[in-house]
């Protein structure tokens, strides 16, 4: 957006915008609100510093890599989280900092550690959004459209914020959130101007971490044994369905585990499942992270803060990112007058 574009949007001359940028012209409240609206940012974005965070991104030609809309959303949510921390609606926690794996054995070990930290040692990792919240990662799924990128991660000291594009298919959403969990656990975040390429070594290691996180070796091998002799195609489908991954991810992981060779991979990858295959299996793929979606405990804390009078209805709805409207909020709690008085008593 040029200075002239912004000037037209807020009803001032271009020279006035230039002076605003240089800090030599005062800005009225009306102009400030108009500027925020034109830039699609909250007013506080113009008057407070951005959180001291760095962002990691993955570039993926299938979705489009970096996205301005994704950048804007992840920054706004990081501001929301800073607000909650400042108001003690979200409590500080100890930072997790694990080693970045340097080989595939390390990726599998990191996946086991992550599952242990989340209290999920084995089996399908369902409700991924709730699981990652246990280790301080707040995962949001918002529909950012076809050009909205894949996902981004913001480090806010011990807390992390991950935004995944809910527009993509469900298996990919889960993969993206699990990938950002990897960044959160190893404390490896990238400066905003850096574009991380798909063939970057760290990204490759974290992709392998995701496969082991979502599909533990022992559980996949057991599932595979049940089908390998009778119907290998249904075996792949059972793994993808029960562990809630994409068909492509399931096929690739079977290669990594030595249960498939590359010829098997090429054969199955070119023949994705049809509805009749799910009927034959007798199971259905369960979608997660349908947008808009906010972390469950985060949402609970927002509603609780509204009910206790700590945030307004409008602020609660803003923090919940379209998952609820004001009319749907529960009734506020009746707060005893004595409790209100205590709130304003000076500390002794």
Protein backbone atom coordinates (compact mmCIF):
# COMPACT_ATOMS: atom_id res chain seq x y z
CA UNK A 1 0.00 0.00 0.00
CA UNK A 2 1.50 3.33 -1.03
CA UNK A 3 1.28 6.53 0.99
CA UNK A 4 -1.23 7.81 -1.58
CA UNK A 5 -3.37 4.66 -1.16
CA UNK A 6 -3.43 5.05 2.62
CA UNK A 7 -4.11 8.78 2.34
CA UNK A 8 -7.16 8.11 0.14
CA UNK A 9 -8.41 5.46 2.57
CA UNK A 10 -8.28 7.74 5.63
CA UNK A 11 -9.20 11.03 3.92
CA UNK A 12 -5.97 13.06 4.21
CA UNK A 13 -3.27 14.27 1.81
CA UNK A 14 -0.34 12.04 0.96
CA UNK A 15 2.02 14.55 2.57
CA UNK A 16 0.09 14.13 5.82
CA UNK A 17 0.75 10.39 5.75
CA UNK A 18 4.45 11.05 5.15
CA UNK A 19 4.53 13.34 8.19
CA UNK A 20 2.69 10.73 10.28
CA UNK A 21 5.33 8.16 9.40
CA UNK A 22 8.11 10.55 10.38
CA UNK A 23 6.38 11.43 13.63
CA UNK A 24 6.20 15.16 12.89
CA UNK A 25 2.39 15.36 12.65
CA UNK A 26 -0.10 14.63 15.38
CA UNK A 27 -2.77 12.05 14.60
CA UNK A 28 -6.37 12.48 15.76
CA UNK A 29 -8.32 9.62 17.29
CA UNK A 30 -10.54 9.48 14.18
CA UNK A 31 -7.50 9.29 11.89
CA UNK A 32 -5.94 6.63 14.08
CA UNK A 33 -9.07 4.47 13.89
CA UNK A 34 -9.35 5.02 10.13
CA UNK A 35 -5.69 4.05 9.65
CA UNK A 36 -6.13 0.87 11.69
CA UNK A 37 -9.21 -0.04 9.64
CA UNK A 38 -7.40 0.62 6.35
CA UNK A 39 -4.49 -1.59 7.41
CA UNK A 40 -6.80 -4.26 8.86
CA UNK A 41 -5.10 -4.05 12.24
CA UNK A 42 -6.37 -3.26 15.75
CA UNK A 43 -5.68 0.28 16.97
CA UNK A 44 -3.15 -0.95 19.53
CA UNK A 45 -1.01 -2.27 16.65
CA UNK A 46 -0.19 1.37 15.82
CA UNK A 47 0.63 2.53 19.33
CA UNK A 48 2.42 -0.39 21.02
CA UNK A 49 5.49 -2.41 20.12
CA UNK A 50 5.07 -5.84 18.58
CA UNK A 51 5.78 -8.77 20.91
CA UNK A 52 9.47 -9.69 21.12
CA UNK A 53 8.86 -12.81 19.05
CA UNK A 54 10.39 -14.52 16.08
CA UNK A 55 8.46 -16.51 13.55
CA UNK A 56 9.17 -19.74 11.73
CA UNK A 57 7.56 -20.50 8.43
CA UNK A 58 7.64 -23.36 5.99
CA UNK A 59 7.52 -22.67 2.30
CA UNK A 60 5.49 -25.22 0.41
CA UNK A 61 4.80 -24.85 -3.29
CA UNK A 62 1.52 -26.72 -2.84
CA UNK A 63 0.07 -23.93 -0.73
CA UNK A 64 2.24 -20.95 -1.50
CA UNK A 65 4.67 -20.55 1.38
CA UNK A 66 4.69 -17.11 2.97
CA UNK A 67 1.43 -15.25 3.26
CA UNK A 68 0.78 -11.67 4.29
CA UNK A 69 -2.55 -12.66 5.83
CA UNK A 70 -0.82 -15.39 7.85
CA UNK A 71 1.84 -12.93 9.03
CA UNK A 72 -0.83 -10.49 10.18
CA UNK A 73 -2.92 -13.08 11.99
CA UNK A 74 -0.02 -14.65 13.85
CA UNK A 75 1.13 -11.24 15.05
CA UNK A 76 -2.36 -10.30 16.24
CA UNK A 77 -2.76 -13.56 18.15
CA UNK A 78 0.66 -13.12 19.75
CA UNK A 79 -0.54 -9.71 20.98
CA UNK A 80 -3.66 -11.38 22.36
CA UNK A 81 -1.52 -13.87 24.29
CA UNK A 82 0.70 -11.08 25.65
CA UNK A 83 -2.44 -9.30 26.84
CA UNK A 84 -3.64 -12.47 28.60
CA UNK A 85 -0.25 -12.96 30.24
CA UNK A 86 -0.20 -9.33 31.38
CA UNK A 87 -3.67 -9.70 32.89
CA UNK A 88 -2.70 -13.05 34.47
CA UNK A 89 -5.50 -14.75 32.57
CA UNK A 90 -2.78 -17.03 31.23
CA UNK A 91 -0.05 -18.08 33.64
CA UNK A 92 3.68 -18.14 33.03
CA UNK A 93 5.24 -21.56 32.59
CA UNK A 94 8.66 -23.16 32.34
CA UNK A 95 10.24 -23.17 28.92
CA UNK A 96 10.86 -26.46 27.11
CA UNK A 97 14.05 -26.56 25.07
CA UNK A 98 15.05 -29.86 23.49
CA UNK A 99 17.82 -30.65 21.02
CA UNK A 100 17.21 -30.41 17.28
CA UNK A 101 17.57 -33.95 15.87
CA UNK A 102 20.39 -34.48 13.41
CA UNK A 103 19.37 -37.91 12.13
CA UNK A 104 16.22 -40.01 11.78
CA UNK A 105 16.89 -41.89 14.99
CA UNK A 106 16.94 -38.55 16.79
CA UNK A 107 13.62 -37.63 15.16
CA UNK A 108 12.00 -40.76 16.53
CA UNK A 109 13.50 -40.13 19.98
CA UNK A 110 12.21 -36.55 19.94
CA UNK A 111 8.74 -37.83 19.04
CA UNK A 112 8.80 -40.22 22.02
CA UNK A 113 9.89 -37.38 24.33
CA UNK A 114 7.14 -35.13 23.00
CA UNK A 115 4.51 -37.80 23.57
CA UNK A 116 5.78 -38.36 27.10
CA UNK A 117 5.58 -34.63 27.86
CA UNK A 118 2.01 -34.58 26.56
CA UNK A 119 1.09 -37.68 28.57
CA UNK A 120 0.39 -39.77 25.46
CA UNK A 121 3.08 -42.47 25.26
CA UNK A 122 1.43 -44.61 22.56
CA UNK A 123 -1.52 -45.08 20.24
CA UNK A 124 -3.18 -42.62 17.86
CA UNK A 125 -2.63 -39.00 18.86
CA UNK A 126 -6.19 -37.70 18.59
CA UNK A 127 -7.26 -34.18 19.61
CA UNK A 128 -3.84 -32.83 18.70
CA UNK A 129 -4.84 -29.26 19.55
CA UNK A 130 -5.51 -30.17 23.19
CA UNK A 131 -2.36 -32.29 23.39
CA UNK A 132 0.02 -29.54 22.22
CA UNK A 133 -1.58 -27.07 24.62
CA UNK A 134 -0.29 -29.23 27.48
CA UNK A 135 3.27 -28.32 26.52
CA UNK A 136 2.58 -24.62 26.09
CA UNK A 137 1.74 -24.45 22.39
CA UNK A 138 -1.49 -22.63 21.57
CA UNK A 139 -2.69 -23.93 18.22
CA UNK A 140 -5.20 -21.90 16.19
CA UNK A 141 -6.87 -23.03 12.96
CA UNK A 142 -8.26 -20.20 10.82
CA UNK A 143 -9.45 -20.21 7.23
CA UNK A 144 -6.88 -18.09 5.41
CA UNK A 145 -7.87 -19.18 1.91
CA UNK A 146 -5.89 -20.75 -0.90
CA UNK A 147 -3.15 -18.11 -0.67
CA UNK A 148 -2.97 -18.18 3.11
CA UNK A 149 0.16 -20.26 3.47
CA UNK A 150 0.57 -23.40 5.54
CA UNK A 151 1.36 -22.38 9.09
CA UNK A 152 3.51 -20.19 11.29
CA UNK A 153 4.92 -20.34 14.79
CA UNK A 154 5.62 -17.48 17.20
CA UNK A 155 7.80 -17.92 20.26
CA UNK A 156 6.68 -15.95 23.31
CA UNK A 157 9.31 -17.20 25.73
CA UNK A 158 7.86 -20.33 27.36
CA UNK A 159 4.58 -20.09 25.44
CA UNK A 160 4.24 -20.57 21.72
CA UNK A 161 1.53 -19.65 19.24
CA UNK A 162 0.94 -21.71 16.10
CA UNK A 163 -1.48 -20.68 13.39
CA UNK A 164 -2.37 -23.24 10.73
CA UNK A 165 -4.39 -22.52 7.63
CA UNK A 166 -7.69 -24.29 8.19
CA UNK A 167 -8.47 -24.01 4.48
CA UNK A 168 -6.26 -26.99 3.64
CA UNK A 169 -7.40 -30.59 4.01
CA UNK A 170 -7.63 -32.03 7.55
CA UNK A 171 -4.63 -34.36 7.39
CA UNK A 172 -2.44 -31.52 6.30
CA UNK A 173 -3.76 -29.28 9.09
CA UNK A 174 -2.73 -31.86 11.66
CA UNK A 175 0.66 -32.33 10.01
CA UNK A 176 1.24 -28.55 10.01
CA UNK A 177 0.34 -28.16 13.70
CA UNK A 178 2.57 -31.09 14.66
CA UNK A 179 5.40 -29.55 12.62
CA UNK A 180 5.05 -26.24 14.49
CA UNK A 181 5.11 -28.26 17.72
CA UNK A 182 8.55 -29.41 16.65
CA UNK A 183 9.72 -25.80 16.35
CA UNK A 184 8.22 -25.07 19.76
CA UNK A 185 9.98 -27.96 21.48
CA UNK A 186 13.42 -27.36 20.03
CA UNK A 187 13.27 -23.59 20.47
CA UNK A 188 14.36 -23.10 16.89
CA UNK A 189 12.49 -20.11 15.49
CA UNK A 190 13.40 -18.07 12.48
CA UNK A 191 13.52 -14.32 12.02
CA UNK A 192 10.47 -12.98 10.16
CA UNK A 193 12.39 -12.06 7.01
CA UNK A 194 13.82 -15.56 6.56
CA UNK A 195 12.00 -17.94 4.24
CA UNK A 196 12.65 -21.54 5.25
CA UNK A 197 12.86 -23.77 2.20
CA UNK A 198 11.26 -27.20 2.01
CA UNK A 199 14.64 -28.91 1.59
CA UNK A 200 16.15 -27.20 4.62
CA UNK A 201 17.76 -29.81 6.86
CA UNK A 202 15.96 -28.74 10.03
CA UNK A 203 12.63 -28.77 8.24
CA UNK A 204 13.36 -32.25 6.92
CA UNK A 205 14.19 -33.48 10.41
CA UNK A 206 11.01 -31.96 11.83
CA UNK A 207 8.92 -33.53 9.08
CA UNK A 208 10.34 -36.91 10.10
CA UNK A 209 9.60 -36.03 13.74
CA UNK A 210 5.96 -35.39 12.79
CA UNK A 211 5.60 -38.78 11.11
CA UNK A 212 6.91 -40.59 14.22
CA UNK A 213 4.85 -38.35 16.52
CA UNK A 214 1.58 -39.06 14.74
CA UNK A 215 2.35 -42.69 13.83
CA UNK A 216 4.57 -44.44 16.41
CA UNK A 217 6.58 -47.33 14.97
CA UNK A 218 5.16 -50.05 17.26
CA UNK A 219 1.52 -49.03 16.72
CA UNK A 220 1.89 -48.75 12.95
CA UNK A 221 3.63 -52.14 12.75
CA UNK A 222 0.82 -53.77 14.72
CA UNK A 223 -1.85 -52.26 12.50
CA UNK A 224 0.10 -53.26 9.39
CA UNK A 225 0.41 -56.88 10.56
CA UNK A 226 -3.39 -57.13 10.75
CA UNK A 227 -3.73 -56.33 7.03
CA UNK A 228 -0.41 -57.07 5.30
CA UNK A 229 -1.28 -60.66 4.38
CA UNK A 230 -4.90 -60.03 3.38
CA UNK A 231 -5.29 -56.53 1.90
CA UNK A 232 -2.34 -54.15 1.91
CA UNK A 233 -4.40 -51.30 0.49
CA UNK A 234 -6.81 -51.51 3.41
CA UNK A 235 -3.77 -51.65 5.68
CA UNK A 236 -2.56 -48.27 4.41
CA UNK A 237 -6.08 -46.88 4.73
CA UNK A 238 -6.39 -48.19 8.29
CA UNK A 239 -3.14 -46.42 9.26
CA UNK A 240 -4.18 -43.14 7.63
CA UNK A 241 -7.66 -43.34 9.19
CA UNK A 242 -6.75 -44.41 12.71
CA UNK A 243 -3.76 -42.10 13.03
CA UNK A 244 -5.54 -39.25 11.17
CA UNK A 245 -2.90 -38.54 8.59
CA UNK A 246 -3.08 -37.99 4.87
CA UNK A 247 -2.77 -40.94 2.49
CA UNK A 248 0.54 -39.53 1.25
CA UNK A 249 1.97 -39.22 4.77
CA UNK A 250 0.92 -42.78 5.64
CA UNK A 251 2.55 -44.18 2.49
CA UNK A 252 5.75 -42.24 3.10
CA UNK A 253 6.01 -43.39 6.69
CA UNK A 254 5.61 -47.03 5.69
CA UNK A 255 8.68 -46.55 3.50
CA UNK A 256 10.59 -44.97 6.40
CA UNK A 257 9.71 -47.92 8.64
CA UNK A 258 10.85 -50.46 6.06
CA UNK A 259 7.34 -51.87 5.56
CA UNK A 260 7.10 -50.49 2.01
CA UNK A 261 9.64 -50.21 -0.77
CA UNK A 262 9.65 -47.30 -3.22
CA UNK A 263 7.78 -49.36 -5.82
CA UNK A 264 4.98 -49.94 -3.30
CA UNK A 265 4.98 -46.23 -2.53
CA UNK A 266 4.62 -45.22 -6.18
CA UNK A 267 1.88 -47.79 -6.72
CA UNK A 268 -0.28 -46.68 -3.79
CA UNK A 269 0.40 -42.95 -3.99
CA UNK A 270 -1.04 -42.89 -7.52
CA UNK A 271 -4.23 -44.62 -6.38
CA UNK A 272 -5.70 -42.64 -3.44
CA UNK A 273 -8.64 -44.10 -1.49
CA UNK A 274 -12.21 -43.90 -2.69
CA UNK A 275 -15.38 -43.85 -0.63
CA UNK A 276 -15.87 -47.57 -1.20
CA UNK A 277 -12.52 -48.28 0.46
CA UNK A 278 -13.76 -46.69 3.69
CA UNK A 279 -16.90 -48.84 3.47
CA UNK A 280 -14.71 -51.92 3.05
CA UNK A 281 -12.63 -50.88 6.07
CA UNK A 282 -15.73 -50.09 8.12
CA UNK A 283 -14.18 -46.89 9.49
CA UNK A 284 -14.29 -43.19 8.66
CA UNK A 285 -11.58 -40.55 8.80
CA UNK A 286 -12.31 -38.08 11.64
CA UNK A 287 -11.42 -34.47 10.80
CA UNK A 288 -9.78 -32.15 13.33
CA UNK A 289 -9.00 -28.43 13.42
CA UNK A 290 -12.00 -27.33 11.39
CA UNK A 291 -11.74 -23.52 11.22
CA UNK A 292 -12.27 -21.32 13.09
CA UNK A 293 -10.80 -23.16 16.03
CA UNK A 294 -9.01 -21.96 19.16
CA UNK A 295 -7.16 -24.00 21.81
CA UNK A 296 -9.66 -25.56 24.24
CA UNK A 297 -8.13 -24.38 27.53
CA UNK A 298 -7.41 -20.96 26.02
CA UNK A 299 -11.09 -20.67 25.06
CA UNK A 300 -12.21 -21.80 28.50
CA UNK A 301 -10.06 -19.15 30.15
CA UNK A 302 -11.44 -16.40 27.90
CA UNK A 303 -15.05 -17.30 28.69
CA UNK A 304 -14.24 -17.57 32.39
CA UNK A 305 -12.60 -14.12 32.28
CA UNK A 306 -15.73 -12.70 30.64
CA UNK A 307 -18.06 -14.32 33.16
CA UNK A 308 -16.04 -12.92 36.07
CA UNK A 309 -16.03 -9.41 34.58
CA UNK A 310 -12.32 -9.29 33.68
CA UNK A 311 -12.95 -8.76 29.96
CA UNK A 312 -15.92 -7.32 28.11
CA UNK A 313 -18.17 -9.35 25.84
CA UNK A 314 -16.70 -7.61 22.79
CA UNK A 315 -13.13 -8.38 23.92
CA UNK A 316 -14.00 -12.01 24.62
CA UNK A 317 -15.46 -12.44 21.13
CA UNK A 318 -12.38 -10.78 19.62
CA UNK A 319 -10.06 -13.14 21.51
CA UNK A 320 -12.09 -16.16 20.41
CA UNK A 321 -11.56 -15.42 16.71
CA UNK A 322 -15.03 -15.99 15.32
CA UNK A 323 -15.78 -19.21 17.17
CA UNK A 324 -18.61 -17.55 19.09
CA UNK A 325 -20.84 -14.47 18.90
CA UNK A 326 -21.75 -12.17 21.78
CA UNK A 327 -25.29 -13.56 21.92
CA UNK A 328 -23.88 -17.05 22.52
CA UNK A 329 -21.76 -16.12 25.54
CA UNK A 330 -22.97 -17.62 28.84
CA UNK A 331 -24.45 -15.39 31.51
CA UNK A 332 -21.91 -13.45 33.61
CA UNK A 333 -21.35 -14.65 37.16
CA UNK A 334 -22.81 -12.66 40.03
CA UNK A 335 -19.78 -11.30 41.88
CA UNK A 336 -20.27 -10.43 45.57
CA UNK A 337 -19.73 -6.73 46.31
CA UNK A 338 -17.12 -7.61 48.97
CA UNK A 339 -15.01 -9.31 46.31
CA UNK A 340 -15.18 -6.21 44.10
CA UNK A 341 -14.09 -4.01 47.03
CA UNK A 342 -11.13 -6.30 47.75
CA UNK A 343 -10.07 -5.97 44.11
CA UNK A 344 -9.55 -2.23 44.56
CA UNK A 345 -8.10 -2.22 48.07
CA UNK A 346 -4.44 -1.03 48.21
CA UNK A 347 -1.83 -3.65 48.93
CA UNK A 348 -0.59 -3.56 52.51
